[in-house]
Amino acid sequence: MKQNIYTNQKGQTLLFVVVAMTIALSIGINTSVKTLTSLSRTSRTDTASRALAAAEGGIERYLALSPNQLEEAVSGSCPEGDYQHQGGYDNGPACKIEFDDLSDILVSQAFVSVERYTPTFYPFTLESGQVKEVNLYDDNTDTFYSDNQIEICWNSNPDSDIMYISYNSSGIQERGGLEGNDSPGAPYTTEGFTTAGGGHDGYNNCETVGIGTNIYGLRIRSIGGESDVAVFPTGGATLPLQGYEIISIGKLEQDQAVTATRVIRIIKTLPYLPVSFDYALYSQGGVVK
């Protein structure tokens, strides 16, 4: 009788031990899986961040180049220290940059390609009081925008109007203001402004303005509010070079196998004078020192 009791107690103890070990094992496996998942997620995030940093490094390097150097990069000549490599955007030619880190088994690289930015129309955003210059002369081909008119379109955010000037080697050729279909924003007056006509291509206000001939640039200023602006060529003309599109692909490699890729694309516009110079340009009379 006692032997049976002892036997039952041993059996129950063994059962409790098995159940406890099963629960502990389940908890351990679950914790391990969560830990491995977290480590894998952290590793992927870190790898993606480093690939993005490599792409940003390529962008920063090429933003520092002059227009002449960017033009050379378009034609396939990489800056000193970089070299041509197949593996850029759409697997085309690019300038390869390697970021050395001897303490790491991963290799950070950037593949940068440069293209001329010659849009069919030129869209941009202007904050109130700020200016943007549209280039109308291509220095590489020594050619001007071929028409003496151009169309300016914009959306008001909320109530903005446009001022513009065009200039050539003789100075300012045309200067004017365009009033939007919305009511003008206080406190300025739009006396003497031309009321813009209806819009197109998603823009509410559009007006074709005269700019003169052999024009180097058209400076556009938003007043009264922010404006989403677009400049459209007229008379069958085309817009000349407006800047350079820089595409940087950041890659991480381990044992010659790509582990992560990130792409950054930006437009670097041609340089122009800041808005502070426009106070003299927009004045009606002469400038007295």
C-alpha atoms as a PDB file:
ATOM      1  CA  MET A   1       0.000   0.000   0.000  1.00  0.00           C
ATOM      2  CA  LYS A   2       2.788   2.441   0.978  1.00  0.00           C
ATOM      3  CA  GLN A   3       4.719   1.457  -2.116  1.00  0.00           C
ATOM      4  CA  ASN A   4       1.774   2.431  -4.311  1.00  0.00           C
ATOM      5  CA  ILE A   5       1.514   5.810  -2.564  1.00  0.00           C
ATOM      6  CA  TYR A   6       5.221   6.466  -3.076  1.00  0.00           C
ATOM      7  CA  THR A   7       4.963   5.361  -6.683  1.00  0.00           C
ATOM      8  CA  ASN A   8       2.033   7.739  -7.312  1.00  0.00           C
ATOM      9  CA  GLN A   9       3.890  10.630  -5.651  1.00  0.00           C
ATOM     10  CA  LYS A  10       6.960   9.978  -7.812  1.00  0.00           C
ATOM     11  CA  GLY A  11       4.762   9.865 -10.912  1.00  0.00           C
ATOM     12  CA  GLN A  12       3.095  13.155  -9.979  1.00  0.00           C
ATOM     13  CA  THR A  13       6.463  14.786  -9.278  1.00  0.00           C
ATOM     14  CA  LEU A  14       7.792  13.657 -12.645  1.00  0.00           C
ATOM     15  CA  LEU A  15       4.667  15.010 -14.338  1.00  0.00           C
ATOM     16  CA  PHE A  16       5.083  18.386 -12.606  1.00  0.00           C
ATOM     17  CA  VAL A  17       8.741  18.493 -13.640  1.00  0.00           C
ATOM     18  CA  VAL A  18       7.893  17.713 -17.276  1.00  0.00           C
ATOM     19  CA  VAL A  19       5.123  20.341 -17.340  1.00  0.00           C
ATOM     20  CA  ALA A  20       7.401  22.943 -15.696  1.00  0.00           C
ATOM     21  CA  MET A  21      10.223  22.204 -18.150  1.00  0.00           C
ATOM     22  CA  THR A  22       7.786  22.412 -21.078  1.00  0.00           C
ATOM     23  CA  ILE A  23       6.516  25.799 -19.925  1.00  0.00           C
ATOM     24  CA  ALA A  24      10.044  27.067 -19.281  1.00  0.00           C
ATOM     25  CA  LEU A  25      11.175  25.801 -22.681  1.00  0.00           C
ATOM     26  CA  SER A  26       8.203  27.486 -24.394  1.00  0.00           C
ATOM     27  CA  ILE A  27       8.941  30.772 -22.643  1.00  0.00           C
ATOM     28  CA  GLY A  28      12.625  30.471 -23.533  1.00  0.00           C
ATOM     29  CA  ILE A  29      11.919  29.753 -27.184  1.00  0.00           C
ATOM     30  CA  ASN A  30       9.403  32.590 -27.380  1.00  0.00           C
ATOM     31  CA  THR A  31      11.889  35.003 -25.780  1.00  0.00           C
ATOM     32  CA  SER A  32      14.652  33.840 -28.100  1.00  0.00           C
ATOM     33  CA  VAL A  33      12.463  34.289 -31.171  1.00  0.00           C
ATOM     34  CA  LYS A  34      11.519  37.807 -30.063  1.00  0.00           C
ATOM     35  CA  THR A  35      15.153  38.636 -29.374  1.00  0.00           C
ATOM     36  CA  LEU A  36      16.294  37.332 -32.758  1.00  0.00           C
ATOM     37  CA  THR A  37      13.469  39.202 -34.513  1.00  0.00           C
ATOM     38  CA  SER A  38      14.411  42.411 -32.700  1.00  0.00           C
ATOM     39  CA  LEU A  39      18.096  41.951 -33.545  1.00  0.00           C
ATOM     40  CA  SER A  40      17.238  41.253 -37.177  1.00  0.00           C
ATOM     41  CA  ARG A  41      15.022  44.356 -37.336  1.00  0.00           C
ATOM     42  CA  THR A  42      17.725  46.464 -35.705  1.00  0.00           C
ATOM     43  CA  SER A  43      20.318  45.091 -38.133  1.00  0.00           C
ATOM     44  CA  ARG A  44      18.107  45.853 -41.152  1.00  0.00           C
ATOM     45  CA  THR A  45      17.403  49.356 -39.849  1.00  0.00           C
ATOM     46  CA  ASP A  46      21.089  50.005 -39.224  1.00  0.00           C
ATOM     47  CA  THR A  47      22.017  48.661 -42.660  1.00  0.00           C
ATOM     48  CA  ALA A  48      19.345  50.775 -44.365  1.00  0.00           C
ATOM     49  CA  SER A  49      20.481  53.865 -42.439  1.00  0.00           C
ATOM     50  CA  ARG A  50      24.085  53.323 -43.505  1.00  0.00           C
ATOM     51  CA  ALA A  51      23.048  52.867 -47.139  1.00  0.00           C
ATOM     52  CA  LEU A  52      21.074  56.116 -46.901  1.00  0.00           C
ATOM     53  CA  ALA A  53      24.084  57.844 -45.327  1.00  0.00           C
ATOM     54  CA  ALA A  54      26.239  56.663 -48.244  1.00  0.00           C
ATOM     55  CA  ALA A  55      23.718  58.078 -50.737  1.00  0.00           C
ATOM     56  CA  GLU A  56      23.665  61.384 -48.829  1.00  0.00           C
ATOM     57  CA  GLY A  57      27.470  61.443 -48.863  1.00  0.00           C
ATOM     58  CA  GLY A  58      27.444  61.158 -52.652  1.00  0.00           C
ATOM     59  CA  ILE A  59      24.904  63.989 -52.927  1.00  0.00           C
ATOM     60  CA  GLU A  60      26.918  66.262 -50.631  1.00  0.00           C
ATOM     61  CA  ARG A  61      30.089  65.674 -52.612  1.00  0.00           C
ATOM     62  CA  TYR A  62      28.472  66.630 -55.918  1.00  0.00           C
ATOM     63  CA  LEU A  63      26.519  69.588 -54.533  1.00  0.00           C
ATOM     64  CA  ALA A  64      29.893  71.179 -53.800  1.00  0.00           C
ATOM     65  CA  LEU A  65      30.930  71.001 -57.475  1.00  0.00           C
ATOM     66  CA  SER A  66      30.743  73.981 -59.815  1.00  0.00           C
ATOM     67  CA  PRO A  67      28.426  73.972 -62.873  1.00  0.00           C
ATOM     68  CA  ASN A  68      31.489  73.367 -65.085  1.00  0.00           C
ATOM     69  CA  GLN A  69      32.459  70.305 -63.033  1.00  0.00           C
ATOM     70  CA  LEU A  70      28.879  69.011 -63.137  1.00  0.00           C
ATOM     71  CA  GLU A  71      28.864  69.470 -66.909  1.00  0.00           C
ATOM     72  CA  GLU A  72      32.041  67.372 -67.076  1.00  0.00           C
ATOM     73  CA  ALA A  73      30.341  64.697 -64.954  1.00  0.00           C
ATOM     74  CA  VAL A  74      27.439  64.656 -67.428  1.00  0.00           C
ATOM     75  CA  SER A  75      29.898  63.925 -70.238  1.00  0.00           C
ATOM     76  CA  GLY A  76      31.438  61.063 -68.244  1.00  0.00           C
ATOM     77  CA  SER A  77      34.409  62.740 -66.558  1.00  0.00           C
ATOM     78  CA  CYS A  78      34.351  62.012 -62.827  1.00  0.00           C
ATOM     79  CA  PRO A  79      35.898  64.409 -60.268  1.00  0.00           C
ATOM     80  CA  GLU A  80      39.361  63.604 -58.980  1.00  0.00           C
ATOM     81  CA  GLY A  81      39.260  60.640 -56.615  1.00  0.00           C
ATOM     82  CA  ASP A  82      36.166  59.067 -58.182  1.00  0.00           C
ATOM     83  CA  TYR A  83      36.092  56.731 -61.141  1.00  0.00           C
ATOM     84  CA  GLN A  84      33.622  55.547 -63.758  1.00  0.00           C
ATOM     85  CA  HIS A  85      31.660  52.453 -62.917  1.00  0.00           C
ATOM     86  CA  GLN A  86      28.654  50.659 -64.372  1.00  0.00           C
ATOM     87  CA  GLY A  87      26.024  50.491 -61.675  1.00  0.00           C
ATOM     88  CA  GLY A  88      24.341  53.869 -61.518  1.00  0.00           C
ATOM     89  CA  TYR A  89      20.662  54.695 -62.004  1.00  0.00           C
ATOM     90  CA  ASP A  90      19.006  52.146 -64.336  1.00  0.00           C
ATOM     91  CA  ASN A  91      22.378  50.373 -64.230  1.00  0.00           C
ATOM     92  CA  GLY A  92      23.913  53.119 -66.321  1.00  0.00           C
ATOM     93  CA  PRO A  93      27.379  54.699 -65.978  1.00  0.00           C
ATOM     94  CA  ALA A  94      28.102  56.516 -62.734  1.00  0.00           C
ATOM     95  CA  CYS A  95      30.940  57.927 -60.667  1.00  0.00           C
ATOM     96  CA  LYS A  96      31.804  55.544 -57.841  1.00  0.00           C
ATOM     97  CA  ILE A  97      32.748  56.770 -54.370  1.00  0.00           C
ATOM     98  CA  GLU A  98      33.960  54.437 -51.632  1.00  0.00           C
ATOM     99  CA  PHE A  99      33.768  55.365 -47.956  1.00  0.00           C
ATOM    100  CA  ASP A 100      36.580  53.442 -46.239  1.00  0.00           C
ATOM    101  CA  ASP A 101      36.151  51.917 -42.787  1.00  0.00           C
ATOM    102  CA  LEU A 102      38.888  49.389 -42.035  1.00  0.00           C
ATOM    103  CA  SER A 103      37.144  48.270 -38.840  1.00  0.00           C
ATOM    104  CA  ASP A 104      34.042  47.098 -40.712  1.00  0.00           C
ATOM    105  CA  ILE A 105      33.408  44.139 -42.991  1.00  0.00           C
ATOM    106  CA  LEU A 106      30.725  46.136 -44.823  1.00  0.00           C
ATOM    107  CA  VAL A 107      31.788  48.420 -47.680  1.00  0.00           C
ATOM    108  CA  SER A 108      29.858  51.699 -48.086  1.00  0.00           C
ATOM    109  CA  GLN A 109      29.648  53.028 -51.638  1.00  0.00           C
ATOM    110  CA  ALA A 110      27.849  55.733 -53.584  1.00  0.00           C
ATOM    111  CA  PHE A 111      27.199  55.609 -57.326  1.00  0.00           C
ATOM    112  CA  VAL A 112      26.468  59.133 -58.554  1.00  0.00           C
ATOM    113  CA  SER A 113      25.177  60.101 -61.983  1.00  0.00           C
ATOM    114  CA  VAL A 114      24.544  63.642 -63.241  1.00  0.00           C
ATOM    115  CA  GLU A 115      22.105  64.721 -65.942  1.00  0.00           C
ATOM    116  CA  ARG A 116      21.295  68.122 -67.427  1.00  0.00           C
ATOM    117  CA  TYR A 117      17.956  69.455 -66.169  1.00  0.00           C
ATOM    118  CA  THR A 118      16.071  70.931 -69.146  1.00  0.00           C
ATOM    119  CA  PRO A 119      12.362  70.579 -68.276  1.00  0.00           C
ATOM    120  CA  THR A 120       9.550  71.132 -70.770  1.00  0.00           C
ATOM    121  CA  PHE A 121       8.168  73.571 -68.177  1.00  0.00           C
ATOM    122  CA  TYR A 122       9.726  74.714 -64.918  1.00  0.00           C
ATOM    123  CA  PRO A 123       7.705  74.255 -61.679  1.00  0.00           C
ATOM    124  CA  PHE A 124       8.830  75.554 -58.272  1.00  0.00           C
ATOM    125  CA  THR A 125       7.497  76.931 -54.995  1.00  0.00           C
ATOM    126  CA  LEU A 126       8.122  80.472 -53.753  1.00  0.00           C
ATOM    127  CA  GLU A 127       7.606  81.692 -50.218  1.00  0.00           C
ATOM    128  CA  SER A 128       6.210  85.190 -49.783  1.00  0.00           C
ATOM    129  CA  GLY A 129       8.856  87.783 -50.590  1.00  0.00           C
ATOM    130  CA  GLN A 130      11.281  85.275 -52.083  1.00  0.00           C
ATOM    131  CA  VAL A 131      12.606  85.235 -55.634  1.00  0.00           C
ATOM    132  CA  LYS A 132      13.444  82.565 -58.196  1.00  0.00           C
ATOM    133  CA  GLU A 133      15.394  83.099 -61.398  1.00  0.00           C
ATOM    134  CA  VAL A 134      14.564  81.126 -64.526  1.00  0.00           C
ATOM    135  CA  ASN A 135      17.629  80.795 -66.740  1.00  0.00           C
ATOM    136  CA  LEU A 136      17.010  81.785 -70.370  1.00  0.00           C
ATOM    137  CA  TYR A 137      20.542  81.442 -71.746  1.00  0.00           C
ATOM    138  CA  ASP A 138      22.509  78.232 -72.296  1.00  0.00           C
ATOM    139  CA  ASP A 139      26.175  78.986 -71.768  1.00  0.00           C
ATOM    140  CA  ASN A 140      27.243  75.596 -73.152  1.00  0.00           C
ATOM    141  CA  THR A 141      25.644  76.182 -76.552  1.00  0.00           C
ATOM    142  CA  ASP A 142      25.694  80.020 -76.498  1.00  0.00           C
ATOM    143  CA  THR A 143      21.977  80.157 -77.310  1.00  0.00           C
ATOM    144  CA  PHE A 144      19.127  82.248 -75.872  1.00  0.00           C
ATOM    145  CA  TYR A 145      15.500  81.349 -75.295  1.00  0.00           C
ATOM    146  CA  SER A 146      14.100  81.910 -78.779  1.00  0.00           C
ATOM    147  CA  ASP A 147      10.778  83.683 -78.096  1.00  0.00           C
ATOM    148  CA  ASN A 148      10.183  87.213 -76.784  1.00  0.00           C
ATOM    149  CA  GLN A 149       7.298  86.016 -74.607  1.00  0.00           C
ATOM    150  CA  ILE A 150       6.868  83.470 -71.840  1.00  0.00           C
ATOM    151  CA  GLU A 151       3.924  82.197 -69.786  1.00  0.00           C
ATOM    152  CA  ILE A 152       3.852  82.474 -65.980  1.00  0.00           C
ATOM    153  CA  CYS A 153       1.348  80.342 -64.051  1.00  0.00           C
ATOM    154  CA  TRP A 154       0.783  80.045 -60.322  1.00  0.00           C
ATOM    155  CA  ASN A 155      -1.509  78.969 -57.499  1.00  0.00           C
ATOM    156  CA  SER A 156      -2.061  81.293 -54.551  1.00  0.00           C
ATOM    157  CA  ASN A 157      -1.532  80.027 -51.017  1.00  0.00           C
ATOM    158  CA  PRO A 158      -3.807  81.629 -49.978  1.00  0.00           C
ATOM    159  CA  ASP A 159      -3.706  85.027 -51.750  1.00  0.00           C
ATOM    160  CA  SER A 160      -0.526  85.825 -53.650  1.00  0.00           C
ATOM    161  CA  ASP A 161       0.440  87.838 -56.693  1.00  0.00           C
ATOM    162  CA  ILE A 162       3.544  87.807 -58.868  1.00  0.00           C
ATOM    163  CA  MET A 163       6.165  90.379 -59.801  1.00  0.00           C
ATOM    164  CA  TYR A 164       8.714  89.692 -62.541  1.00  0.00           C
ATOM    165  CA  ILE A 165      11.645  91.262 -64.361  1.00  0.00           C
ATOM    166  CA  SER A 166      13.672  90.141 -67.365  1.00  0.00           C
ATOM    167  CA  TYR A 167      17.187  91.308 -68.132  1.00  0.00           C
ATOM    168  CA  ASN A 168      19.890  91.043 -70.775  1.00  0.00           C
ATOM    169  CA  SER A 169      23.347  92.538 -71.246  1.00  0.00           C
ATOM    170  CA  SER A 170      21.816  96.034 -71.503  1.00  0.00           C
ATOM    171  CA  GLY A 171      19.971  95.738 -68.179  1.00  0.00           C
ATOM    172  CA  ILE A 172      16.301  95.303 -67.297  1.00  0.00           C
ATOM    173  CA  GLN A 173      14.091  94.805 -70.358  1.00  0.00           C
ATOM    174  CA  GLU A 174      10.634  94.148 -68.918  1.00  0.00           C
ATOM    175  CA  ARG A 175       9.149  94.577 -65.461  1.00  0.00           C
ATOM    176  CA  GLY A 176       5.586  94.006 -64.284  1.00  0.00           C
ATOM    177  CA  GLY A 177       3.113  92.539 -61.850  1.00  0.00           C
ATOM    178  CA  LEU A 178       0.413  89.908 -62.207  1.00  0.00           C
ATOM    179  CA  GLU A 179      -2.687  89.870 -60.037  1.00  0.00           C
ATOM    180  CA  GLY A 180      -4.261  86.508 -59.342  1.00  0.00           C
ATOM    181  CA  ASN A 181      -7.926  85.610 -59.648  1.00  0.00           C
ATOM    182  CA  ASP A 182      -8.107  85.551 -55.847  1.00  0.00           C
ATOM    183  CA  SER A 183      -8.444  88.767 -53.891  1.00  0.00           C
ATOM    184  CA  PRO A 184      -5.061  90.412 -53.212  1.00  0.00           C
ATOM    185  CA  GLY A 185      -3.535  89.989 -49.814  1.00  0.00           C
ATOM    186  CA  ALA A 186      -3.314  93.098 -47.621  1.00  0.00           C
ATOM    187  CA  PRO A 187      -1.608  95.452 -47.010  1.00  0.00           C
ATOM    188  CA  TYR A 188      -0.169  96.054 -50.496  1.00  0.00           C
ATOM    189  CA  THR A 189      -2.061  97.342 -53.508  1.00  0.00           C
ATOM    190  CA  THR A 190      -2.073  95.811 -56.971  1.00  0.00           C
ATOM    191  CA  GLU A 191      -2.580  99.088 -58.812  1.00  0.00           C
ATOM    192  CA  GLY A 192      -0.918  98.798 -62.198  1.00  0.00           C
ATOM    193  CA  PHE A 193      -0.890  94.991 -62.082  1.00  0.00           C
ATOM    194  CA  THR A 194      -2.256  92.906 -64.945  1.00  0.00           C
ATOM    195  CA  THR A 195      -5.030  90.506 -63.967  1.00  0.00           C
ATOM    196  CA  ALA A 196      -4.007  87.009 -64.980  1.00  0.00           C
ATOM    197  CA  GLY A 197      -6.206  84.837 -67.126  1.00  0.00           C
ATOM    198  CA  GLY A 198      -7.434  81.321 -66.489  1.00  0.00           C
ATOM    199  CA  GLY A 199      -5.037  78.529 -65.697  1.00  0.00           C
ATOM    200  CA  HIS A 200      -4.117  75.079 -66.965  1.00  0.00           C
ATOM    201  CA  ASP A 201      -2.109  72.023 -65.926  1.00  0.00           C
ATOM    202  CA  GLY A 202      -3.379  72.382 -62.350  1.00  0.00           C
ATOM    203  CA  TYR A 203      -2.574  76.112 -62.027  1.00  0.00           C
ATOM    204  CA  ASN A 204      -5.336  78.660 -61.380  1.00  0.00           C
ATOM    205  CA  ASN A 205      -3.655  81.771 -62.804  1.00  0.00           C
ATOM    206  CA  CYS A 206      -1.731  82.043 -66.081  1.00  0.00           C
ATOM    207  CA  GLU A 207      -0.554  84.998 -68.148  1.00  0.00           C
ATOM    208  CA  THR A 208       1.749  85.328 -71.145  1.00  0.00           C
ATOM    209  CA  VAL A 209       4.137  88.266 -70.687  1.00  0.00           C
ATOM    210  CA  GLY A 210       6.664  89.988 -72.923  1.00  0.00           C
ATOM    211  CA  ILE A 211      10.292  89.599 -71.864  1.00  0.00           C
ATOM    212  CA  GLY A 212      12.346  91.067 -74.715  1.00  0.00           C
ATOM    213  CA  THR A 213      15.119  89.473 -76.760  1.00  0.00           C
ATOM    214  CA  ASN A 214      18.466  87.895 -75.887  1.00  0.00           C
ATOM    215  CA  ILE A 215      17.326  87.525 -72.280  1.00  0.00           C
ATOM    216  CA  TYR A 216      19.667  86.015 -69.730  1.00  0.00           C
ATOM    217  CA  GLY A 217      17.179  85.520 -66.937  1.00  0.00           C
ATOM    218  CA  LEU A 218      13.610  85.985 -65.717  1.00  0.00           C
ATOM    219  CA  ARG A 219      13.315  86.765 -62.003  1.00  0.00           C
ATOM    220  CA  ILE A 220       9.961  85.953 -60.381  1.00  0.00           C
ATOM    221  CA  ARG A 221       8.877  87.103 -56.924  1.00  0.00           C
ATOM    222  CA  SER A 222       5.840  86.064 -54.879  1.00  0.00           C
ATOM    223  CA  ILE A 223       4.103  88.755 -52.823  1.00  0.00           C
ATOM    224  CA  GLY A 224       1.258  88.479 -50.343  1.00  0.00           C
ATOM    225  CA  GLY A 225       1.652  84.755 -49.776  1.00  0.00           C
ATOM    226  CA  GLU A 226       3.315  81.542 -50.922  1.00  0.00           C
ATOM    227  CA  SER A 227       2.982  80.602 -54.586  1.00  0.00           C
ATOM    228  CA  ASP A 228       3.307  77.371 -56.524  1.00  0.00           C
ATOM    229  CA  VAL A 229       4.719  78.691 -59.803  1.00  0.00           C
ATOM    230  CA  ALA A 230       5.386  77.197 -63.226  1.00  0.00           C
ATOM    231  CA  VAL A 231       6.990  78.846 -66.256  1.00  0.00           C
ATOM    232  CA  PHE A 232       5.932  77.569 -69.687  1.00  0.00           C
ATOM    233  CA  PRO A 233       7.763  78.338 -72.960  1.00  0.00           C
ATOM    234  CA  THR A 234       5.722  79.883 -75.777  1.00  0.00           C
ATOM    235  CA  GLY A 235       5.922  80.167 -79.554  1.00  0.00           C
ATOM    236  CA  GLY A 236       7.485  76.743 -79.992  1.00  0.00           C
ATOM    237  CA  ALA A 237      10.527  77.701 -77.898  1.00  0.00           C
ATOM    238  CA  THR A 238      12.151  75.418 -75.332  1.00  0.00           C
ATOM    239  CA  LEU A 239      13.595  76.251 -71.955  1.00  0.00           C
ATOM    240  CA  PRO A 240      17.398  76.068 -71.771  1.00  0.00           C
ATOM    241  CA  LEU A 241      19.404  74.401 -69.018  1.00  0.00           C
ATOM    242  CA  GLN A 242      18.006  75.126 -65.532  1.00  0.00           C
ATOM    243  CA  GLY A 243      20.464  73.083 -63.502  1.00  0.00           C
ATOM    244  CA  TYR A 244      21.617  69.535 -62.934  1.00  0.00           C
ATOM    245  CA  GLU A 245      19.818  66.465 -61.672  1.00  0.00           C
ATOM    246  CA  ILE A 246      22.038  64.478 -59.304  1.00  0.00           C
ATOM    247  CA  ILE A 247      21.120  60.857 -58.570  1.00  0.00           C
ATOM    248  CA  SER A 248      23.041  59.094 -55.809  1.00  0.00           C
ATOM    249  CA  ILE A 249      22.650  55.379 -55.063  1.00  0.00           C
ATOM    250  CA  GLY A 250      24.021  54.327 -51.689  1.00  0.00           C
ATOM    251  CA  LYS A 251      25.019  50.676 -51.430  1.00  0.00           C
ATOM    252  CA  LEU A 252      26.416  48.407 -48.723  1.00  0.00           C
ATOM    253  CA  GLU A 253      28.433  45.406 -49.835  1.00  0.00           C
ATOM    254  CA  GLN A 254      29.664  42.385 -47.924  1.00  0.00           C
ATOM    255  CA  ASP A 255      31.836  39.810 -49.684  1.00  0.00           C
ATOM    256  CA  GLN A 256      30.979  41.547 -53.000  1.00  0.00           C
ATOM    257  CA  ALA A 257      27.243  41.018 -52.393  1.00  0.00           C
ATOM    258  CA  VAL A 258      24.941  44.046 -52.073  1.00  0.00           C
ATOM    259  CA  THR A 259      23.071  43.968 -48.746  1.00  0.00           C
ATOM    260  CA  ALA A 260      21.201  47.295 -48.922  1.00  0.00           C
ATOM    261  CA  THR A 261      20.460  50.056 -51.437  1.00  0.00           C
ATOM    262  CA  ARG A 262      19.024  53.579 -51.069  1.00  0.00           C
ATOM    263  CA  VAL A 263      18.470  56.228 -53.771  1.00  0.00           C
ATOM    264  CA  ILE A 264      18.397  60.039 -53.468  1.00  0.00           C
ATOM    265  CA  ARG A 265      17.541  62.346 -56.361  1.00  0.00           C
ATOM    266  CA  ILE A 266      17.904  66.162 -56.200  1.00  0.00           C
ATOM    267  CA  ILE A 267      17.999  69.142 -58.557  1.00  0.00           C
ATOM    268  CA  LYS A 268      20.841  71.632 -58.191  1.00  0.00           C
ATOM    269  CA  THR A 269      19.768  74.853 -59.896  1.00  0.00           C
ATOM    270  CA  LEU A 270      22.136  77.291 -61.532  1.00  0.00           C
ATOM    271  CA  PRO A 271      23.362  80.087 -59.213  1.00  0.00           C
ATOM    272  CA  TYR A 272      21.629  83.483 -59.171  1.00  0.00           C
ATOM    273  CA  LEU A 273      21.577  86.648 -57.043  1.00  0.00           C
ATOM    274  CA  PRO A 274      19.535  86.577 -53.807  1.00  0.00           C
ATOM    275  CA  VAL A 275      16.314  88.512 -53.241  1.00  0.00           C
ATOM    276  CA  SER A 276      18.072  91.422 -51.504  1.00  0.00           C
ATOM    277  CA  PHE A 277      19.298  92.678 -54.896  1.00  0.00           C
ATOM    278  CA  ASP A 278      15.723  93.027 -56.155  1.00  0.00           C
ATOM    279  CA  TYR A 279      14.931  96.093 -54.060  1.00  0.00           C
ATOM    280  CA  ALA A 280      16.913  98.130 -56.590  1.00  0.00           C
ATOM    281  CA  LEU A 281      15.675  96.140 -59.574  1.00  0.00           C
ATOM    282  CA  TYR A 282      11.984  96.705 -58.800  1.00  0.00           C
ATOM    283  CA  SER A 283      12.322 100.398 -57.934  1.00  0.00           C
ATOM    284  CA  GLN A 284      10.672 102.744 -60.432  1.00  0.00           C
ATOM    285  CA  GLY A 285      13.254 105.542 -60.182  1.00  0.00           C
ATOM    286  CA  GLY A 286      17.031 105.661 -60.110  1.00  0.00           C
ATOM    287  CA  VAL A 287      19.072 104.493 -57.154  1.00  0.00           C
ATOM    288  CA  VAL A 288      20.643 107.384 -55.222  1.00  0.00           C
ATOM    289  CA  LYS A 289      23.653 106.696 -53.063  1.00  0.00           C
END
